[in-house]
């Protein structure tokens, strides 16, 4: 763990704390993100914990869906040399994502879109789709579920979602286990503090 009070470090990734000068400057200069894209979420660290034990192929094309500040995708870019596209419905998150990407020495491509706007053709450009805490409203469950269906149709080889076990996600996980032979794995991490939840993993082909 970093001893610098302006950053926290876990899984080889640094992230700014609320007192970080660069983050403070950005918050004062930018619009505040909506759709809960206003901070880092613990499910990103659950994603990292999963990927520590199930690493991606080097150079994989990764879509970080509902990326927020993009920490999961940044991890993939740094550790697996992944070609990461970070997608979110709220473009106001991208300056924060780019700050974190710069602090971690990686390049990330931004894409503003909703889950229901991703077509089969769009998804066919990726090997892996990841998402951390993206099913936090009941209304999102259908959109995420339909995106998963299209990703499978598109030939995406692996889909990984992590979540602190919110009810909409749990319902989605049950459906994916039944329809897509997904695994719902209990997962926890002590970095940078204790988080618990589920990793929903779909292997496609």
C-alpha atoms as a PDB file:
ATOM      1  CA  UNK A   1       0.000   0.000   0.000  1.00  0.00           C
ATOM      2  CA  UNK A   2       1.234   3.516  -0.763  1.00  0.00           C
ATOM      3  CA  UNK A   3       2.316   5.740   2.117  1.00  0.00           C
ATOM      4  CA  UNK A   4       1.432   8.835   0.080  1.00  0.00           C
ATOM      5  CA  UNK A   5      -1.777  10.317   1.566  1.00  0.00           C
ATOM      6  CA  UNK A   6      -2.718  11.665  -1.879  1.00  0.00           C
ATOM      7  CA  UNK A   7      -2.969   8.238  -3.517  1.00  0.00           C
ATOM      8  CA  UNK A   8      -3.944   4.703  -2.612  1.00  0.00           C
ATOM      9  CA  UNK A   9      -2.365   1.713  -4.268  1.00  0.00           C
ATOM     10  CA  UNK A  10      -3.743  -1.781  -4.719  1.00  0.00           C
ATOM     11  CA  UNK A  11      -3.046  -4.506  -7.277  1.00  0.00           C
ATOM     12  CA  UNK A  12      -0.301  -2.374  -8.775  1.00  0.00           C
ATOM     13  CA  UNK A  13      -2.758   0.421  -9.605  1.00  0.00           C
ATOM     14  CA  UNK A  14      -2.699   3.881  -8.055  1.00  0.00           C
ATOM     15  CA  UNK A  15      -5.833   5.945  -7.510  1.00  0.00           C
ATOM     16  CA  UNK A  16      -6.158   9.468  -6.112  1.00  0.00           C
ATOM     17  CA  UNK A  17      -7.637  10.051  -2.684  1.00  0.00           C
ATOM     18  CA  UNK A  18     -10.053  12.918  -2.094  1.00  0.00           C
ATOM     19  CA  UNK A  19      -7.153  15.138  -1.012  1.00  0.00           C
ATOM     20  CA  UNK A  20      -5.165  14.541  -4.197  1.00  0.00           C
ATOM     21  CA  UNK A  21      -4.306  17.979  -5.686  1.00  0.00           C
ATOM     22  CA  UNK A  22      -4.819  16.885  -9.300  1.00  0.00           C
ATOM     23  CA  UNK A  23      -8.216  15.405  -8.462  1.00  0.00           C
ATOM     24  CA  UNK A  24      -9.221  18.523  -6.541  1.00  0.00           C
ATOM     25  CA  UNK A  25      -8.292  20.724  -9.503  1.00  0.00           C
ATOM     26  CA  UNK A  26     -10.250  18.510 -11.855  1.00  0.00           C
ATOM     27  CA  UNK A  27     -13.345  18.533  -9.651  1.00  0.00           C
ATOM     28  CA  UNK A  28     -13.274  22.331  -9.471  1.00  0.00           C
ATOM     29  CA  UNK A  29     -12.917  22.646 -13.252  1.00  0.00           C
ATOM     30  CA  UNK A  30     -15.303  19.924 -14.488  1.00  0.00           C
ATOM     31  CA  UNK A  31     -18.988  19.162 -14.354  1.00  0.00           C
ATOM     32  CA  UNK A  32     -19.858  16.625 -11.670  1.00  0.00           C
ATOM     33  CA  UNK A  33     -20.575  13.230 -13.234  1.00  0.00           C
ATOM     34  CA  UNK A  34     -24.091  11.864 -12.890  1.00  0.00           C
ATOM     35  CA  UNK A  35     -25.333   8.232 -12.839  1.00  0.00           C
ATOM     36  CA  UNK A  36     -23.135   7.539  -9.800  1.00  0.00           C
ATOM     37  CA  UNK A  37     -19.924   8.249 -11.710  1.00  0.00           C
ATOM     38  CA  UNK A  38     -18.678  10.546  -8.964  1.00  0.00           C
ATOM     39  CA  UNK A  39     -16.135   8.280  -7.207  1.00  0.00           C
ATOM     40  CA  UNK A  40     -14.356   4.929  -7.255  1.00  0.00           C
ATOM     41  CA  UNK A  41     -16.430   1.865  -6.430  1.00  0.00           C
ATOM     42  CA  UNK A  42     -15.330  -1.224  -4.556  1.00  0.00           C
ATOM     43  CA  UNK A  43     -16.475  -3.564  -7.328  1.00  0.00           C
ATOM     44  CA  UNK A  44     -13.469  -2.376  -9.367  1.00  0.00           C
ATOM     45  CA  UNK A  45     -11.206  -3.961  -6.778  1.00  0.00           C
ATOM     46  CA  UNK A  46     -13.314  -7.120  -6.843  1.00  0.00           C
ATOM     47  CA  UNK A  47     -12.658  -7.207 -10.596  1.00  0.00           C
ATOM     48  CA  UNK A  48      -8.935  -6.885  -9.989  1.00  0.00           C
ATOM     49  CA  UNK A  49      -9.033  -9.675  -7.396  1.00  0.00           C
ATOM     50  CA  UNK A  50     -10.785 -11.960  -9.886  1.00  0.00           C
ATOM     51  CA  UNK A  51      -8.336 -11.110 -12.666  1.00  0.00           C
ATOM     52  CA  UNK A  52      -5.355 -11.742 -10.404  1.00  0.00           C
ATOM     53  CA  UNK A  53      -6.391 -15.397 -10.421  1.00  0.00           C
ATOM     54  CA  UNK A  54      -7.845 -15.556 -13.942  1.00  0.00           C
ATOM     55  CA  UNK A  55      -5.659 -13.260 -16.051  1.00  0.00           C
ATOM     56  CA  UNK A  56      -6.662 -12.159 -19.521  1.00  0.00           C
ATOM     57  CA  UNK A  57      -4.624 -13.006 -22.617  1.00  0.00           C
ATOM     58  CA  UNK A  58      -1.986 -10.399 -23.371  1.00  0.00           C
ATOM     59  CA  UNK A  59      -3.214  -7.757 -25.800  1.00  0.00           C
ATOM     60  CA  UNK A  60      -6.902  -8.648 -25.420  1.00  0.00           C
ATOM     61  CA  UNK A  61      -9.443  -6.173 -26.767  1.00  0.00           C
ATOM     62  CA  UNK A  62     -11.458  -5.177 -23.708  1.00  0.00           C
ATOM     63  CA  UNK A  63     -14.650  -3.175 -23.346  1.00  0.00           C
ATOM     64  CA  UNK A  64     -15.066  -1.678 -19.869  1.00  0.00           C
ATOM     65  CA  UNK A  65     -18.843  -1.168 -19.960  1.00  0.00           C
ATOM     66  CA  UNK A  66     -20.276   1.434 -17.592  1.00  0.00           C
ATOM     67  CA  UNK A  67     -16.685   2.316 -16.785  1.00  0.00           C
ATOM     68  CA  UNK A  68     -17.104   5.279 -14.433  1.00  0.00           C
ATOM     69  CA  UNK A  69     -13.556   6.344 -13.595  1.00  0.00           C
ATOM     70  CA  UNK A  70     -12.263   3.305 -15.437  1.00  0.00           C
ATOM     71  CA  UNK A  71     -10.139   1.619 -12.806  1.00  0.00           C
ATOM     72  CA  UNK A  72     -10.963  -1.927 -13.968  1.00  0.00           C
ATOM     73  CA  UNK A  73      -9.994  -1.143 -17.546  1.00  0.00           C
ATOM     74  CA  UNK A  74      -6.840   0.631 -16.396  1.00  0.00           C
ATOM     75  CA  UNK A  75      -5.858  -2.526 -14.525  1.00  0.00           C
ATOM     76  CA  UNK A  76      -6.349  -4.572 -17.699  1.00  0.00           C
ATOM     77  CA  UNK A  77      -4.277  -2.148 -19.760  1.00  0.00           C
ATOM     78  CA  UNK A  78      -1.441  -2.072 -17.237  1.00  0.00           C
ATOM     79  CA  UNK A  79      -1.211  -5.770 -16.389  1.00  0.00           C
ATOM     80  CA  UNK A  80      -2.264  -7.442 -19.649  1.00  0.00           C
ATOM     81  CA  UNK A  81      -1.337  -4.782 -22.223  1.00  0.00           C
ATOM     82  CA  UNK A  82      -5.019  -4.852 -23.134  1.00  0.00           C
ATOM     83  CA  UNK A  83      -6.494  -2.551 -25.765  1.00  0.00           C
ATOM     84  CA  UNK A  84      -9.174  -0.982 -23.585  1.00  0.00           C
ATOM     85  CA  UNK A  85     -12.229   0.972 -24.657  1.00  0.00           C
ATOM     86  CA  UNK A  86     -13.955   2.584 -21.676  1.00  0.00           C
ATOM     87  CA  UNK A  87     -17.662   3.146 -22.293  1.00  0.00           C
ATOM     88  CA  UNK A  88     -20.061   5.158 -20.154  1.00  0.00           C
ATOM     89  CA  UNK A  89     -23.382   6.905 -20.707  1.00  0.00           C
ATOM     90  CA  UNK A  90     -22.022  10.019 -18.990  1.00  0.00           C
ATOM     91  CA  UNK A  91     -19.064  11.638 -20.802  1.00  0.00           C
ATOM     92  CA  UNK A  92     -18.375  13.733 -17.700  1.00  0.00           C
ATOM     93  CA  UNK A  93     -16.555  10.712 -16.231  1.00  0.00           C
ATOM     94  CA  UNK A  94     -13.902  10.677 -18.939  1.00  0.00           C
ATOM     95  CA  UNK A  95     -11.665  13.482 -17.604  1.00  0.00           C
ATOM     96  CA  UNK A  96     -11.439  11.546 -14.323  1.00  0.00           C
ATOM     97  CA  UNK A  97     -10.696   8.332 -16.188  1.00  0.00           C
ATOM     98  CA  UNK A  98      -7.977  10.003 -18.211  1.00  0.00           C
ATOM     99  CA  UNK A  99      -6.412  11.435 -15.041  1.00  0.00           C
ATOM    100  CA  UNK A 100      -6.213   7.936 -13.555  1.00  0.00           C
ATOM    101  CA  UNK A 101      -4.949   6.468 -16.831  1.00  0.00           C
ATOM    102  CA  UNK A 102      -2.196   9.084 -16.962  1.00  0.00           C
ATOM    103  CA  UNK A 103      -1.235   8.413 -13.344  1.00  0.00           C
ATOM    104  CA  UNK A 104      -0.928   4.715 -14.185  1.00  0.00           C
ATOM    105  CA  UNK A 105       0.930   5.204 -17.449  1.00  0.00           C
ATOM    106  CA  UNK A 106      -1.623   3.654 -19.788  1.00  0.00           C
ATOM    107  CA  UNK A 107      -3.714   4.787 -22.755  1.00  0.00           C
ATOM    108  CA  UNK A 108      -7.482   4.225 -22.748  1.00  0.00           C
ATOM    109  CA  UNK A 109     -10.002   4.959 -25.515  1.00  0.00           C
ATOM    110  CA  UNK A 110     -13.249   6.656 -24.436  1.00  0.00           C
ATOM    111  CA  UNK A 111     -16.672   5.910 -25.887  1.00  0.00           C
ATOM    112  CA  UNK A 112     -19.891   7.612 -24.763  1.00  0.00           C
ATOM    113  CA  UNK A 113     -22.864   5.253 -25.084  1.00  0.00           C
ATOM    114  CA  UNK A 114     -25.594   3.500 -23.133  1.00  0.00           C
ATOM    115  CA  UNK A 115     -25.758  -0.268 -22.794  1.00  0.00           C
ATOM    116  CA  UNK A 116     -28.761  -0.429 -25.111  1.00  0.00           C
ATOM    117  CA  UNK A 117     -26.883   1.458 -27.823  1.00  0.00           C
ATOM    118  CA  UNK A 118     -24.195  -1.197 -28.227  1.00  0.00           C
ATOM    119  CA  UNK A 119     -24.969  -3.284 -31.299  1.00  0.00           C
ATOM    120  CA  UNK A 120     -23.808  -6.801 -32.113  1.00  0.00           C
ATOM    121  CA  UNK A 121     -21.399  -5.239 -34.614  1.00  0.00           C
ATOM    122  CA  UNK A 122     -20.003  -2.900 -31.937  1.00  0.00           C
ATOM    123  CA  UNK A 123     -19.490  -5.771 -29.508  1.00  0.00           C
ATOM    124  CA  UNK A 124     -17.865  -8.010 -32.128  1.00  0.00           C
ATOM    125  CA  UNK A 125     -14.798  -5.773 -31.940  1.00  0.00           C
ATOM    126  CA  UNK A 126     -13.977  -7.016 -28.416  1.00  0.00           C
ATOM    127  CA  UNK A 127     -12.616 -10.225 -26.937  1.00  0.00           C
ATOM    128  CA  UNK A 128     -13.709  -9.461 -23.372  1.00  0.00           C
ATOM    129  CA  UNK A 129     -16.443  -7.329 -21.803  1.00  0.00           C
ATOM    130  CA  UNK A 130     -16.047  -6.298 -18.182  1.00  0.00           C
ATOM    131  CA  UNK A 131     -18.289  -4.255 -15.909  1.00  0.00           C
ATOM    132  CA  UNK A 132     -17.950  -3.293 -12.241  1.00  0.00           C
ATOM    133  CA  UNK A 133     -21.125  -2.351 -10.325  1.00  0.00           C
ATOM    134  CA  UNK A 134     -23.136  -1.573 -13.461  1.00  0.00           C
ATOM    135  CA  UNK A 135     -26.486  -3.045 -12.413  1.00  0.00           C
ATOM    136  CA  UNK A 136     -27.432  -0.796  -9.503  1.00  0.00           C
ATOM    137  CA  UNK A 137     -30.962   0.109 -10.650  1.00  0.00           C
ATOM    138  CA  UNK A 138     -33.808  -2.264 -11.493  1.00  0.00           C
ATOM    139  CA  UNK A 139     -34.195  -0.441 -14.793  1.00  0.00           C
ATOM    140  CA  UNK A 140     -30.622  -1.308 -15.751  1.00  0.00           C
ATOM    141  CA  UNK A 141     -31.038  -5.061 -15.330  1.00  0.00           C
ATOM    142  CA  UNK A 142     -32.789  -5.559 -18.670  1.00  0.00           C
ATOM    143  CA  UNK A 143     -30.337  -3.294 -20.501  1.00  0.00           C
ATOM    144  CA  UNK A 144     -27.329  -5.151 -19.114  1.00  0.00           C
ATOM    145  CA  UNK A 145     -28.965  -8.529 -19.741  1.00  0.00           C
ATOM    146  CA  UNK A 146     -29.708  -7.620 -23.360  1.00  0.00           C
ATOM    147  CA  UNK A 147     -26.146  -6.330 -23.803  1.00  0.00           C
ATOM    148  CA  UNK A 148     -24.856  -9.696 -22.565  1.00  0.00           C
ATOM    149  CA  UNK A 149     -27.105 -11.500 -25.063  1.00  0.00           C
ATOM    150  CA  UNK A 150     -25.739  -9.371 -27.903  1.00  0.00           C
ATOM    151  CA  UNK A 151     -22.149  -9.842 -26.723  1.00  0.00           C
ATOM    152  CA  UNK A 152     -22.607 -13.607 -26.809  1.00  0.00           C
ATOM    153  CA  UNK A 153     -24.115 -13.375 -30.284  1.00  0.00           C
ATOM    154  CA  UNK A 154     -21.175 -11.190 -31.325  1.00  0.00           C
ATOM    155  CA  UNK A 155     -18.676 -13.847 -30.270  1.00  0.00           C
ATOM    156  CA  UNK A 156     -17.184 -12.053 -27.263  1.00  0.00           C
ATOM    157  CA  UNK A 157     -15.160 -14.803 -25.608  1.00  0.00           C
ATOM    158  CA  UNK A 158     -15.570 -13.763 -21.972  1.00  0.00           C
ATOM    159  CA  UNK A 159     -17.871 -11.506 -19.963  1.00  0.00           C
ATOM    160  CA  UNK A 160     -17.032 -10.587 -16.363  1.00  0.00           C
ATOM    161  CA  UNK A 161     -19.228  -8.500 -14.083  1.00  0.00           C
ATOM    162  CA  UNK A 162     -18.470  -7.776 -10.429  1.00  0.00           C
ATOM    163  CA  UNK A 163     -20.973  -6.405  -7.962  1.00  0.00           C
ATOM    164  CA  UNK A 164     -21.536  -6.025  -4.191  1.00  0.00           C
ATOM    165  CA  UNK A 165     -24.636  -8.216  -4.593  1.00  0.00           C
ATOM    166  CA  UNK A 166     -27.269  -5.567  -5.195  1.00  0.00           C
ATOM    167  CA  UNK A 167     -30.722  -7.125  -5.825  1.00  0.00           C
ATOM    168  CA  UNK A 168     -30.900  -6.154  -9.537  1.00  0.00           C
ATOM    169  CA  UNK A 169     -27.512  -7.761 -10.113  1.00  0.00           C
ATOM    170  CA  UNK A 170     -28.456 -10.894  -8.196  1.00  0.00           C
ATOM    171  CA  UNK A 171     -31.504 -11.330 -10.431  1.00  0.00           C
ATOM    172  CA  UNK A 172     -29.331 -10.812 -13.509  1.00  0.00           C
ATOM    173  CA  UNK A 173     -26.812 -13.346 -12.216  1.00  0.00           C
ATOM    174  CA  UNK A 174     -29.528 -15.955 -11.672  1.00  0.00           C
ATOM    175  CA  UNK A 175     -30.729 -15.490 -15.252  1.00  0.00           C
ATOM    176  CA  UNK A 176     -27.200 -15.772 -16.669  1.00  0.00           C
ATOM    177  CA  UNK A 177     -26.459 -18.912 -14.666  1.00  0.00           C
ATOM    178  CA  UNK A 178     -29.626 -20.494 -16.044  1.00  0.00           C
ATOM    179  CA  UNK A 179     -29.441 -19.287 -19.643  1.00  0.00           C
ATOM    180  CA  UNK A 180     -25.714 -18.866 -20.318  1.00  0.00           C
ATOM    181  CA  UNK A 181     -24.135 -21.396 -17.938  1.00  0.00           C
ATOM    182  CA  UNK A 182     -22.450 -18.522 -16.123  1.00  0.00           C
ATOM    183  CA  UNK A 183     -20.548 -18.908 -12.867  1.00  0.00           C
ATOM    184  CA  UNK A 184     -21.448 -16.674  -9.924  1.00  0.00           C
ATOM    185  CA  UNK A 185     -18.359 -16.675  -7.713  1.00  0.00           C
ATOM    186  CA  UNK A 186     -18.222 -15.246  -4.216  1.00  0.00           C
ATOM    187  CA  UNK A 187     -15.234 -12.942  -4.015  1.00  0.00           C
ATOM    188  CA  UNK A 188     -13.601 -10.608  -1.526  1.00  0.00           C
ATOM    189  CA  UNK A 189     -10.557  -8.420  -1.304  1.00  0.00           C
ATOM    190  CA  UNK A 190      -8.626  -6.692   1.470  1.00  0.00           C
ATOM    191  CA  UNK A 191      -7.102  -4.161  -0.930  1.00  0.00           C
ATOM    192  CA  UNK A 192      -7.276  -1.211  -0.460  1.00  0.00           C
ATOM    193  CA  UNK A 193      -9.843  -2.218   2.175  1.00  0.00           C
ATOM    194  CA  UNK A 194     -12.284  -5.083   2.556  1.00  0.00           C
ATOM    195  CA  UNK A 195     -14.878  -5.466  -0.195  1.00  0.00           C
ATOM    196  CA  UNK A 196     -17.138  -8.464  -0.766  1.00  0.00           C
ATOM    197  CA  UNK A 197     -19.403  -9.412  -3.642  1.00  0.00           C
ATOM    198  CA  UNK A 198     -19.890 -11.638  -6.670  1.00  0.00           C
ATOM    199  CA  UNK A 199     -17.981 -12.135  -9.898  1.00  0.00           C
ATOM    200  CA  UNK A 200     -20.360 -13.223 -12.658  1.00  0.00           C
ATOM    201  CA  UNK A 201     -18.333 -14.967 -15.359  1.00  0.00           C
ATOM    202  CA  UNK A 202     -19.568 -16.131 -18.755  1.00  0.00           C
ATOM    203  CA  UNK A 203     -17.229 -18.143 -20.998  1.00  0.00           C
ATOM    204  CA  UNK A 204     -18.486 -18.009 -24.561  1.00  0.00           C
ATOM    205  CA  UNK A 205     -17.082 -20.821 -26.654  1.00  0.00           C
END
